[in-house]
Amino acid sequence: METFTDDIMRGLLGSSLKTASVDADGWHDCCDGPGSAEAKYIDWLTIKDQQESVLEDVTRIKNHPLVPSDIPVYGYIYDCKSGRLVEVPAATEVGKAS
């Protein structure tokens, strides 16, 4: 979800519904249409910065009125290549129990 934006997805799906490819120069359609304009109505939930996204989520959860302050909330990123969870220290700090 970090390698494309909503605009890229909308453009790819607008021109073709076939599988696109990606390389060092970016995303590319493999084929000519038909595409669909329906992609412009979807929020693709792209992520520009994983650590910032996790920090925002932990902050939102920690500050929710239904989450007691004495419950810690942690934030990790799943590394797809290694299968490990990588802690986001700023999220751990924000999510501390009080």
PDB file of N, CA and C in Angstrom:
ATOM      1  N   MET A   1       0.817  -1.192   0.000  1.00  0.00           N
ATOM      2  CA  MET A   1       0.000   0.000   0.000  1.00  0.00           C
ATOM      3  C   MET A   1       0.863   1.258   0.000  1.00  0.00           C
ATOM      4  N   GLU A   2       2.154   1.106   0.142  1.00  0.00           N
ATOM      5  CA  GLU A   2       3.040   2.273   0.111  1.00  0.00           C
ATOM      6  C   GLU A   2       3.523   2.614  -1.294  1.00  0.00           C
ATOM      7  N   THR A   3       3.359   1.703  -2.228  1.00  0.00           N
ATOM      8  CA  THR A   3       3.953   1.916  -3.549  1.00  0.00           C
ATOM      9  C   THR A   3       3.041   2.637  -4.524  1.00  0.00           C
ATOM     10  N   PHE A   4       1.821   2.946  -4.114  1.00  0.00           N
ATOM     11  CA  PHE A   4       0.932   3.676  -5.012  1.00  0.00           C
ATOM     12  C   PHE A   4       0.052   4.620  -4.221  1.00  0.00           C
ATOM     13  N   THR A   5      -0.587   5.530  -4.937  1.00  0.00           N
ATOM     14  CA  THR A   5      -1.505   6.497  -4.338  1.00  0.00           C
ATOM     15  C   THR A   5      -2.898   6.241  -4.899  1.00  0.00           C
ATOM     16  N   ASP A   6      -3.889   6.914  -4.329  1.00  0.00           N
ATOM     17  CA  ASP A   6      -5.247   6.810  -4.862  1.00  0.00           C
ATOM     18  C   ASP A   6      -5.276   7.203  -6.333  1.00  0.00           C
ATOM     19  N   ASP A   7      -4.562   8.271  -6.693  1.00  0.00           N
ATOM     20  CA  ASP A   7      -4.551   8.735  -8.082  1.00  0.00           C
ATOM     21  C   ASP A   7      -3.952   7.696  -9.020  1.00  0.00           C
ATOM     22  N   ILE A   8      -2.891   7.016  -8.586  1.00  0.00           N
ATOM     23  CA  ILE A   8      -2.287   5.970  -9.424  1.00  0.00           C
ATOM     24  C   ILE A   8      -3.282   4.833  -9.631  1.00  0.00           C
ATOM     25  N   MET A   9      -3.921   4.371  -8.554  1.00  0.00           N
ATOM     26  CA  MET A   9      -4.893   3.283  -8.671  1.00  0.00           C
ATOM     27  C   MET A   9      -6.049   3.683  -9.580  1.00  0.00           C
ATOM     28  N   ARG A  10      -6.545   4.884  -9.412  1.00  0.00           N
ATOM     29  CA  ARG A  10      -7.666   5.340 -10.230  1.00  0.00           C
ATOM     30  C   ARG A  10      -7.278   5.411 -11.706  1.00  0.00           C
ATOM     31  N   GLY A  11      -6.050   5.868 -11.963  1.00  0.00           N
ATOM     32  CA  GLY A  11      -5.582   5.931 -13.343  1.00  0.00           C
ATOM     33  C   GLY A  11      -5.416   4.554 -13.966  1.00  0.00           C
ATOM     34  N   LEU A  12      -4.818   3.627 -13.215  1.00  0.00           N
ATOM     35  CA  LEU A  12      -4.620   2.268 -13.729  1.00  0.00           C
ATOM     36  C   LEU A  12      -5.953   1.597 -14.025  1.00  0.00           C
ATOM     37  N   LEU A  13      -6.877   1.658 -13.092  1.00  0.00           N
ATOM     38  CA  LEU A  13      -8.171   1.004 -13.278  1.00  0.00           C
ATOM     39  C   LEU A  13      -9.048   1.738 -14.285  1.00  0.00           C
ATOM     40  N   GLY A  14      -8.810   3.037 -14.441  1.00  0.00           N
ATOM     41  CA  GLY A  14      -9.557   3.798 -15.426  1.00  0.00           C
ATOM     42  C   GLY A  14      -9.185   3.435 -16.853  1.00  0.00           C
ATOM     43  N   SER A  15      -7.968   2.951 -17.052  1.00  0.00           N
ATOM     44  CA  SER A  15      -7.528   2.622 -18.408  1.00  0.00           C
ATOM     45  C   SER A  15      -7.599   1.135 -18.723  1.00  0.00           C
ATOM     46  N   SER A  16      -7.516   0.271 -17.708  1.00  0.00           N
ATOM     47  CA  SER A  16      -7.556  -1.173 -17.949  1.00  0.00           C
ATOM     48  C   SER A  16      -7.857  -1.904 -16.643  1.00  0.00           C
ATOM     49  N   LEU A  17      -8.556  -3.020 -16.739  1.00  0.00           N
ATOM     50  CA  LEU A  17      -8.841  -3.843 -15.562  1.00  0.00           C
ATOM     51  C   LEU A  17      -7.898  -5.039 -15.479  1.00  0.00           C
ATOM     52  N   LYS A  18      -6.921  -5.087 -16.350  1.00  0.00           N
ATOM     53  CA  LYS A  18      -5.923  -6.159 -16.327  1.00  0.00           C
ATOM     54  C   LYS A  18      -4.862  -5.846 -15.272  1.00  0.00           C
ATOM     55  N   THR A  19      -4.111  -6.859 -14.878  1.00  0.00           N
ATOM     56  CA  THR A  19      -3.080  -6.707 -13.859  1.00  0.00           C
ATOM     57  C   THR A  19      -1.986  -5.757 -14.341  1.00  0.00           C
ATOM     58  N   ALA A  20      -1.659  -4.772 -13.524  1.00  0.00           N
ATOM     59  CA  ALA A  20      -0.601  -3.810 -13.836  1.00  0.00           C
ATOM     60  C   ALA A  20       0.729  -4.355 -13.333  1.00  0.00           C
ATOM     61  N   SER A  21       1.805  -3.723 -13.767  1.00  0.00           N
ATOM     62  CA  SER A  21       3.139  -4.113 -13.300  1.00  0.00           C
ATOM     63  C   SER A  21       3.834  -2.889 -12.713  1.00  0.00           C
ATOM     64  N   VAL A  22       4.872  -3.144 -11.922  1.00  0.00           N
ATOM     65  CA  VAL A  22       5.624  -2.055 -11.313  1.00  0.00           C
ATOM     66  C   VAL A  22       7.108  -2.345 -11.467  1.00  0.00           C
ATOM     67  N   ASP A  23       7.881  -1.304 -11.713  1.00  0.00           N
ATOM     68  CA  ASP A  23       9.336  -1.425 -11.784  1.00  0.00           C
ATOM     69  C   ASP A  23       9.945  -0.144 -11.220  1.00  0.00           C
ATOM     70  N   ALA A  24      11.212   0.060 -11.442  1.00  0.00           N
ATOM     71  CA  ALA A  24      11.896   1.230 -10.892  1.00  0.00           C
ATOM     72  C   ALA A  24      11.303   2.549 -11.385  1.00  0.00           C
ATOM     73  N   ASP A  25      10.639   2.525 -12.529  1.00  0.00           N
ATOM     74  CA  ASP A  25      10.037   3.735 -13.091  1.00  0.00           C
ATOM     75  C   ASP A  25       8.598   3.959 -12.646  1.00  0.00           C
ATOM     76  N   GLY A  26       8.038   3.027 -11.878  1.00  0.00           N
ATOM     77  CA  GLY A  26       6.675   3.179 -11.387  1.00  0.00           C
ATOM     78  C   GLY A  26       5.728   2.121 -11.924  1.00  0.00           C
ATOM     79  N   TRP A  27       4.440   2.415 -11.805  1.00  0.00           N
ATOM     80  CA  TRP A  27       3.381   1.485 -12.212  1.00  0.00           C
ATOM     81  C   TRP A  27       3.065   1.648 -13.683  1.00  0.00           C
ATOM     82  N   HIS A  28       2.711   0.525 -14.347  1.00  0.00           N
ATOM     83  CA  HIS A  28       2.404   0.533 -15.777  1.00  0.00           C
ATOM     84  C   HIS A  28       1.235  -0.407 -16.060  1.00  0.00           C
ATOM     85  N   ASP A  29       0.324   0.053 -16.911  1.00  0.00           N
ATOM     86  CA  ASP A  29      -0.735  -0.835 -17.399  1.00  0.00           C
ATOM     87  C   ASP A  29      -0.151  -1.781 -18.424  1.00  0.00           C
ATOM     88  N   CYS A  30      -0.646  -2.991 -18.438  1.00  0.00           N
ATOM     89  CA  CYS A  30      -0.149  -3.965 -19.413  1.00  0.00           C
ATOM     90  C   CYS A  30      -0.957  -3.935 -20.693  1.00  0.00           C
ATOM     91  N   CYS A  31      -2.167  -3.402 -20.601  1.00  0.00           N
ATOM     92  CA  CYS A  31      -3.092  -3.587 -21.717  1.00  0.00           C
ATOM     93  C   CYS A  31      -3.953  -2.347 -21.938  1.00  0.00           C
ATOM     94  N   ASP A  32      -4.612  -2.341 -23.096  1.00  0.00           N
ATOM     95  CA  ASP A  32      -5.595  -1.304 -23.362  1.00  0.00           C
ATOM     96  C   ASP A  32      -6.926  -1.751 -22.783  1.00  0.00           C
ATOM     97  N   GLY A  33      -7.770  -0.830 -22.453  1.00  0.00           N
ATOM     98  CA  GLY A  33      -9.083  -1.005 -21.859  1.00  0.00           C
ATOM     99  C   GLY A  33      -9.751  -2.341 -22.120  1.00  0.00           C
ATOM    100  N   PRO A  34     -10.956  -2.504 -21.712  1.00  0.00           N
ATOM    101  CA  PRO A  34     -11.707  -1.415 -21.093  1.00  0.00           C
ATOM    102  C   PRO A  34     -11.333  -1.231 -19.632  1.00  0.00           C
ATOM    103  N   GLY A  35     -11.446  -0.010 -19.180  1.00  0.00           N
ATOM    104  CA  GLY A  35     -11.227   0.294 -17.778  1.00  0.00           C
ATOM    105  C   GLY A  35     -12.554   0.622 -17.125  1.00  0.00           C
ATOM    106  N   SER A  36     -12.504   1.191 -15.939  1.00  0.00           N
ATOM    107  CA  SER A  36     -13.720   1.548 -15.225  1.00  0.00           C
ATOM    108  C   SER A  36     -13.486   2.844 -14.440  1.00  0.00           C
ATOM    109  N   ALA A  37     -14.441   3.745 -14.551  1.00  0.00           N
ATOM    110  CA  ALA A  37     -14.372   4.999 -13.793  1.00  0.00           C
ATOM    111  C   ALA A  37     -14.787   4.796 -12.336  1.00  0.00           C
ATOM    112  N   GLU A  38     -15.270   3.623 -11.990  1.00  0.00           N
ATOM    113  CA  GLU A  38     -15.737   3.358 -10.621  1.00  0.00           C
ATOM    114  C   GLU A  38     -14.618   3.484  -9.589  1.00  0.00           C
ATOM    115  N   ALA A  39     -13.369   3.317 -10.006  1.00  0.00           N
ATOM    116  CA  ALA A  39     -12.240   3.404  -9.074  1.00  0.00           C
ATOM    117  C   ALA A  39     -12.144   4.771  -8.419  1.00  0.00           C
ATOM    118  N   LYS A  40     -12.687   5.803  -9.058  1.00  0.00           N
ATOM    119  CA  LYS A  40     -12.601   7.144  -8.473  1.00  0.00           C
ATOM    120  C   LYS A  40     -13.470   7.302  -7.236  1.00  0.00           C
ATOM    121  N   TYR A  41     -14.348   6.342  -6.983  1.00  0.00           N
ATOM    122  CA  TYR A  41     -15.225   6.415  -5.814  1.00  0.00           C
ATOM    123  C   TYR A  41     -14.696   5.599  -4.626  1.00  0.00           C
ATOM    124  N   ILE A  42     -13.517   5.018  -4.765  1.00  0.00           N
ATOM    125  CA  ILE A  42     -12.958   4.162  -3.721  1.00  0.00           C
ATOM    126  C   ILE A  42     -11.784   4.861  -3.041  1.00  0.00           C
ATOM    127  N   ASP A  43     -11.771   4.828  -1.721  1.00  0.00           N
ATOM    128  CA  ASP A  43     -10.618   5.287  -0.954  1.00  0.00           C
ATOM    129  C   ASP A  43      -9.735   4.056  -0.766  1.00  0.00           C
ATOM    130  N   TRP A  44      -8.580   4.045  -1.387  1.00  0.00           N
ATOM    131  CA  TRP A  44      -7.716   2.869  -1.414  1.00  0.00           C
ATOM    132  C   TRP A  44      -6.900   2.693  -0.141  1.00  0.00           C
ATOM    133  N   LEU A  45      -7.008   3.618   0.801  1.00  0.00           N
ATOM    134  CA  LEU A  45      -6.318   3.527   2.087  1.00  0.00           C
ATOM    135  C   LEU A  45      -4.816   3.312   1.932  1.00  0.00           C
ATOM    136  N   THR A  46      -4.236   4.077   1.035  1.00  0.00           N
ATOM    137  CA  THR A  46      -2.792   3.991   0.835  1.00  0.00           C
ATOM    138  C   THR A  46      -2.063   4.571   2.037  1.00  0.00           C
ATOM    139  N   ILE A  47      -0.847   4.140   2.241  1.00  0.00           N
ATOM    140  CA  ILE A  47      -0.051   4.556   3.395  1.00  0.00           C
ATOM    141  C   ILE A  47       1.251   5.171   2.880  1.00  0.00           C
ATOM    142  N   LYS A  48       1.492   6.425   3.228  1.00  0.00           N
ATOM    143  CA  LYS A  48       2.725   7.083   2.795  1.00  0.00           C
ATOM    144  C   LYS A  48       3.885   6.793   3.736  1.00  0.00           C
ATOM    145  N   ASP A  49       3.592   6.677   5.030  1.00  0.00           N
ATOM    146  CA  ASP A  49       4.627   6.473   6.034  1.00  0.00           C
ATOM    147  C   ASP A  49       4.077   5.496   7.073  1.00  0.00           C
ATOM    148  N   GLN A  50       4.579   4.262   7.079  1.00  0.00           N
ATOM    149  CA  GLN A  50       4.057   3.230   7.971  1.00  0.00           C
ATOM    150  C   GLN A  50       4.162   3.619   9.438  1.00  0.00           C
ATOM    151  N   GLN A  51       5.315   4.134   9.847  1.00  0.00           N
ATOM    152  CA  GLN A  51       5.492   4.487  11.255  1.00  0.00           C
ATOM    153  C   GLN A  51       4.518   5.582  11.674  1.00  0.00           C
ATOM    154  N   GLU A  52       4.337   6.581  10.844  1.00  0.00           N
ATOM    155  CA  GLU A  52       3.403   7.663  11.145  1.00  0.00           C
ATOM    156  C   GLU A  52       1.970   7.126  11.210  1.00  0.00           C
ATOM    157  N   SER A  53       1.631   6.216  10.324  1.00  0.00           N
ATOM    158  CA  SER A  53       0.299   5.618  10.315  1.00  0.00           C
ATOM    159  C   SER A  53       0.036   4.842  11.604  1.00  0.00           C
ATOM    160  N   VAL A  54       1.015   4.056  12.044  1.00  0.00           N
ATOM    161  CA  VAL A  54       0.875   3.291  13.290  1.00  0.00           C
ATOM    162  C   VAL A  54       0.750   4.246  14.476  1.00  0.00           C
ATOM    163  N   LEU A  55       1.556   5.278  14.501  1.00  0.00           N
ATOM    164  CA  LEU A  55       1.495   6.265  15.587  1.00  0.00           C
ATOM    165  C   LEU A  55       0.111   6.918  15.652  1.00  0.00           C
ATOM    166  N   GLU A  56      -0.432   7.293  14.508  1.00  0.00           N
ATOM    167  CA  GLU A  56      -1.770   7.898  14.467  1.00  0.00           C
ATOM    168  C   GLU A  56      -2.825   6.917  14.993  1.00  0.00           C
ATOM    169  N   ASP A  57      -2.721   5.645  14.582  1.00  0.00           N
ATOM    170  CA  ASP A  57      -3.693   4.649  15.031  1.00  0.00           C
ATOM    171  C   ASP A  57      -3.618   4.424  16.539  1.00  0.00           C
ATOM    172  N   VAL A  58      -2.407   4.277  17.061  1.00  0.00           N
ATOM    173  CA  VAL A  58      -2.248   4.059  18.504  1.00  0.00           C
ATOM    174  C   VAL A  58      -2.756   5.269  19.277  1.00  0.00           C
ATOM    175  N   THR A  59      -2.457   6.459  18.824  1.00  0.00           N
ATOM    176  CA  THR A  59      -2.927   7.681  19.479  1.00  0.00           C
ATOM    177  C   THR A  59      -4.450   7.725  19.498  1.00  0.00           C
ATOM    178  N   ARG A  60      -5.063   7.408  18.364  1.00  0.00           N
ATOM    179  CA  ARG A  60      -6.527   7.425  18.267  1.00  0.00           C
ATOM    180  C   ARG A  60      -7.142   6.396  19.214  1.00  0.00           C
ATOM    181  N   ILE A  61      -6.590   5.185  19.240  1.00  0.00           N
ATOM    182  CA  ILE A  61      -7.113   4.131  20.116  1.00  0.00           C
ATOM    183  C   ILE A  61      -6.906   4.504  21.581  1.00  0.00           C
ATOM    184  N   LYS A  62      -5.710   4.952  21.906  1.00  0.00           N
ATOM    185  CA  LYS A  62      -5.392   5.299  23.302  1.00  0.00           C
ATOM    186  C   LYS A  62      -6.297   6.413  23.823  1.00  0.00           C
ATOM    187  N   ASN A  63      -6.667   7.346  22.962  1.00  0.00           N
ATOM    188  CA  ASN A  63      -7.494   8.477  23.372  1.00  0.00           C
ATOM    189  C   ASN A  63      -9.000   8.223  23.275  1.00  0.00           C
ATOM    190  N   HIS A  64      -9.372   7.023  22.850  1.00  0.00           N
ATOM    191  CA  HIS A  64     -10.794   6.713  22.729  1.00  0.00           C
ATOM    192  C   HIS A  64     -11.406   6.604  24.124  1.00  0.00           C
ATOM    193  N   PRO A  65     -12.585   7.167  24.329  1.00  0.00           N
ATOM    194  CA  PRO A  65     -13.183   7.160  25.663  1.00  0.00           C
ATOM    195  C   PRO A  65     -13.506   5.764  26.212  1.00  0.00           C
ATOM    196  N   LEU A  66     -13.598   4.766  25.371  1.00  0.00           N
ATOM    197  CA  LEU A  66     -13.911   3.420  25.849  1.00  0.00           C
ATOM    198  C   LEU A  66     -12.666   2.597  26.194  1.00  0.00           C
ATOM    199  N   VAL A  67     -11.480   3.177  25.987  1.00  0.00           N
ATOM    200  CA  VAL A  67     -10.236   2.486  26.335  1.00  0.00           C
ATOM    201  C   VAL A  67      -9.726   3.059  27.656  1.00  0.00           C
ATOM    202  N   PRO A  68      -9.747   2.261  28.730  1.00  0.00           N
ATOM    203  CA  PRO A  68      -9.270   2.753  30.023  1.00  0.00           C
ATOM    204  C   PRO A  68      -7.803   3.187  29.943  1.00  0.00           C
ATOM    205  N   SER A  69      -7.468   4.237  30.675  1.00  0.00           N
ATOM    206  CA  SER A  69      -6.116   4.797  30.624  1.00  0.00           C
ATOM    207  C   SER A  69      -5.054   3.846  31.162  1.00  0.00           C
ATOM    208  N   ASP A  70      -5.459   2.860  31.979  1.00  0.00           N
ATOM    209  CA  ASP A  70      -4.466   1.940  32.544  1.00  0.00           C
ATOM    210  C   ASP A  70      -4.168   0.747  31.627  1.00  0.00           C
ATOM    211  N   ILE A  71      -4.708   0.759  30.428  1.00  0.00           N
ATOM    212  CA  ILE A  71      -4.423  -0.298  29.450  1.00  0.00           C
ATOM    213  C   ILE A  71      -3.412   0.231  28.439  1.00  0.00           C
ATOM    214  N   PRO A  72      -2.254  -0.439  28.311  1.00  0.00           N
ATOM    215  CA  PRO A  72      -1.280   0.011  27.313  1.00  0.00           C
ATOM    216  C   PRO A  72      -1.711  -0.407  25.902  1.00  0.00           C
ATOM    217  N   VAL A  73      -1.355   0.412  24.945  1.00  0.00           N
ATOM    218  CA  VAL A  73      -1.626   0.121  23.537  1.00  0.00           C
ATOM    219  C   VAL A  73      -0.288   0.190  22.811  1.00  0.00           C
ATOM    220  N   TYR A  74       0.027  -0.844  22.059  1.00  0.00           N
ATOM    221  CA  TYR A  74       1.312  -0.921  21.367  1.00  0.00           C
ATOM    222  C   TYR A  74       1.113  -0.815  19.866  1.00  0.00           C
ATOM    223  N   GLY A  75       2.174  -0.455  19.160  1.00  0.00           N
ATOM    224  CA  GLY A  75       2.107  -0.366  17.716  1.00  0.00           C
ATOM    225  C   GLY A  75       3.299  -1.039  17.064  1.00  0.00           C
ATOM    226  N   TYR A  76       3.006  -1.924  16.127  1.00  0.00           N
ATOM    227  CA  TYR A  76       4.049  -2.660  15.408  1.00  0.00           C
ATOM    228  C   TYR A  76       3.754  -2.647  13.913  1.00  0.00           C
ATOM    229  N   ILE A  77       4.791  -2.850  13.145  1.00  0.00           N
ATOM    230  CA  ILE A  77       4.678  -3.012  11.699  1.00  0.00           C
ATOM    231  C   ILE A  77       5.078  -4.438  11.375  1.00  0.00           C
ATOM    232  N   TYR A  78       4.271  -5.100  10.568  1.00  0.00           N
ATOM    233  CA  TYR A  78       4.594  -6.459  10.141  1.00  0.00           C
ATOM    234  C   TYR A  78       5.516  -6.388   8.934  1.00  0.00           C
ATOM    235  N   ASP A  79       6.698  -6.975   9.054  1.00  0.00           N
ATOM    236  CA  ASP A  79       7.657  -7.019   7.952  1.00  0.00           C
ATOM    237  C   ASP A  79       7.332  -8.256   7.112  1.00  0.00           C
ATOM    238  N   CYS A  80       6.781  -8.026   5.925  1.00  0.00           N
ATOM    239  CA  CYS A  80       6.354  -9.133   5.058  1.00  0.00           C
ATOM    240  C   CYS A  80       7.510 -10.017   4.624  1.00  0.00           C
ATOM    241  N   LYS A  81       8.695  -9.472   4.515  1.00  0.00           N
ATOM    242  CA  LYS A  81       9.847 -10.256   4.051  1.00  0.00           C
ATOM    243  C   LYS A  81      10.380 -11.181   5.134  1.00  0.00           C
ATOM    244  N   SER A  82      10.470 -10.676   6.364  1.00  0.00           N
ATOM    245  CA  SER A  82      11.064 -11.485   7.430  1.00  0.00           C
ATOM    246  C   SER A  82      10.013 -12.188   8.291  1.00  0.00           C
ATOM    247  N   GLY A  83       8.769 -11.704   8.249  1.00  0.00           N
ATOM    248  CA  GLY A  83       7.726 -12.265   9.088  1.00  0.00           C
ATOM    249  C   GLY A  83       7.782 -11.756  10.522  1.00  0.00           C
ATOM    250  N   ARG A  84       8.608 -10.771  10.764  1.00  0.00           N
ATOM    251  CA  ARG A  84       8.771 -10.238  12.124  1.00  0.00           C
ATOM    252  C   ARG A  84       7.908  -8.999  12.342  1.00  0.00           C
ATOM    253  N   LEU A  85       7.611  -8.761  13.618  1.00  0.00           N
ATOM    254  CA  LEU A  85       6.954  -7.522  14.008  1.00  0.00           C
ATOM    255  C   LEU A  85       8.031  -6.527  14.415  1.00  0.00           C
ATOM    256  N   VAL A  86       7.935  -5.319  13.894  1.00  0.00           N
ATOM    257  CA  VAL A  86       8.906  -4.274  14.188  1.00  0.00           C
ATOM    258  C   VAL A  86       8.206  -3.207  15.021  1.00  0.00           C
ATOM    259  N   GLU A  87       8.688  -3.013  16.238  1.00  0.00           N
ATOM    260  CA  GLU A  87       8.081  -2.032  17.135  1.00  0.00           C
ATOM    261  C   GLU A  87       8.254  -0.614  16.599  1.00  0.00           C
ATOM    262  N   VAL A  88       7.230   0.204  16.804  1.00  0.00           N
ATOM    263  CA  VAL A  88       7.294   1.622  16.508  1.00  0.00           C
ATOM    264  C   VAL A  88       7.432   2.325  17.869  1.00  0.00           C
ATOM    265  N   PRO A  89       8.671   2.701  18.250  1.00  0.00           N
ATOM    266  CA  PRO A  89       8.907   3.259  19.588  1.00  0.00           C
ATOM    267  C   PRO A  89       8.028   4.456  19.945  1.00  0.00           C
ATOM    268  N   ALA A  90       7.766   5.333  18.998  1.00  0.00           N
ATOM    269  CA  ALA A  90       6.927   6.505  19.293  1.00  0.00           C
ATOM    270  C   ALA A  90       5.516   6.068  19.650  1.00  0.00           C
ATOM    271  N   ALA A  91       5.026   5.009  19.022  1.00  0.00           N
ATOM    272  CA  ALA A  91       3.693   4.494  19.327  1.00  0.00           C
ATOM    273  C   ALA A  91       3.664   3.868  20.711  1.00  0.00           C
ATOM    274  N   THR A  92       4.739   3.152  21.071  1.00  0.00           N
ATOM    275  CA  THR A  92       4.831   2.567  22.411  1.00  0.00           C
ATOM    276  C   THR A  92       4.799   3.658  23.464  1.00  0.00           C
ATOM    277  N   GLU A  93       5.484   4.747  23.210  1.00  0.00           N
ATOM    278  CA  GLU A  93       5.516   5.867  24.163  1.00  0.00           C
ATOM    279  C   GLU A  93       4.135   6.480  24.326  1.00  0.00           C
ATOM    280  N   VAL A  94       3.454   6.741  23.226  1.00  0.00           N
ATOM    281  CA  VAL A  94       2.125   7.338  23.263  1.00  0.00           C
ATOM    282  C   VAL A  94       1.109   6.388  23.899  1.00  0.00           C
ATOM    283  N   GLY A  95       1.315   5.094  23.707  1.00  0.00           N
ATOM    284  CA  GLY A  95       0.360   4.108  24.193  1.00  0.00           C
ATOM    285  C   GLY A  95       0.579   3.634  25.616  1.00  0.00           C
ATOM    286  N   LYS A  96       1.531   4.214  26.335  1.00  0.00           N
ATOM    287  CA  LYS A  96       1.801   3.787  27.703  1.00  0.00           C
ATOM    288  C   LYS A  96       0.561   3.903  28.593  1.00  0.00           C
ATOM    289  N   ALA A  97       0.461   2.958  29.529  1.00  0.00           N
ATOM    290  CA  ALA A  97      -0.609   3.026  30.520  1.00  0.00           C
ATOM    291  C   ALA A  97      -0.317   4.156  31.495  1.00  0.00           C
ATOM    292  N   SER A  98      -1.373   4.796  31.961  1.00  0.00           N
ATOM    293  CA  SER A  98      -1.170   5.873  32.939  1.00  0.00           C
ATOM    294  C   SER A  98      -1.923   5.586  34.225  1.00  0.00           C
TER     295      SER A  98
END
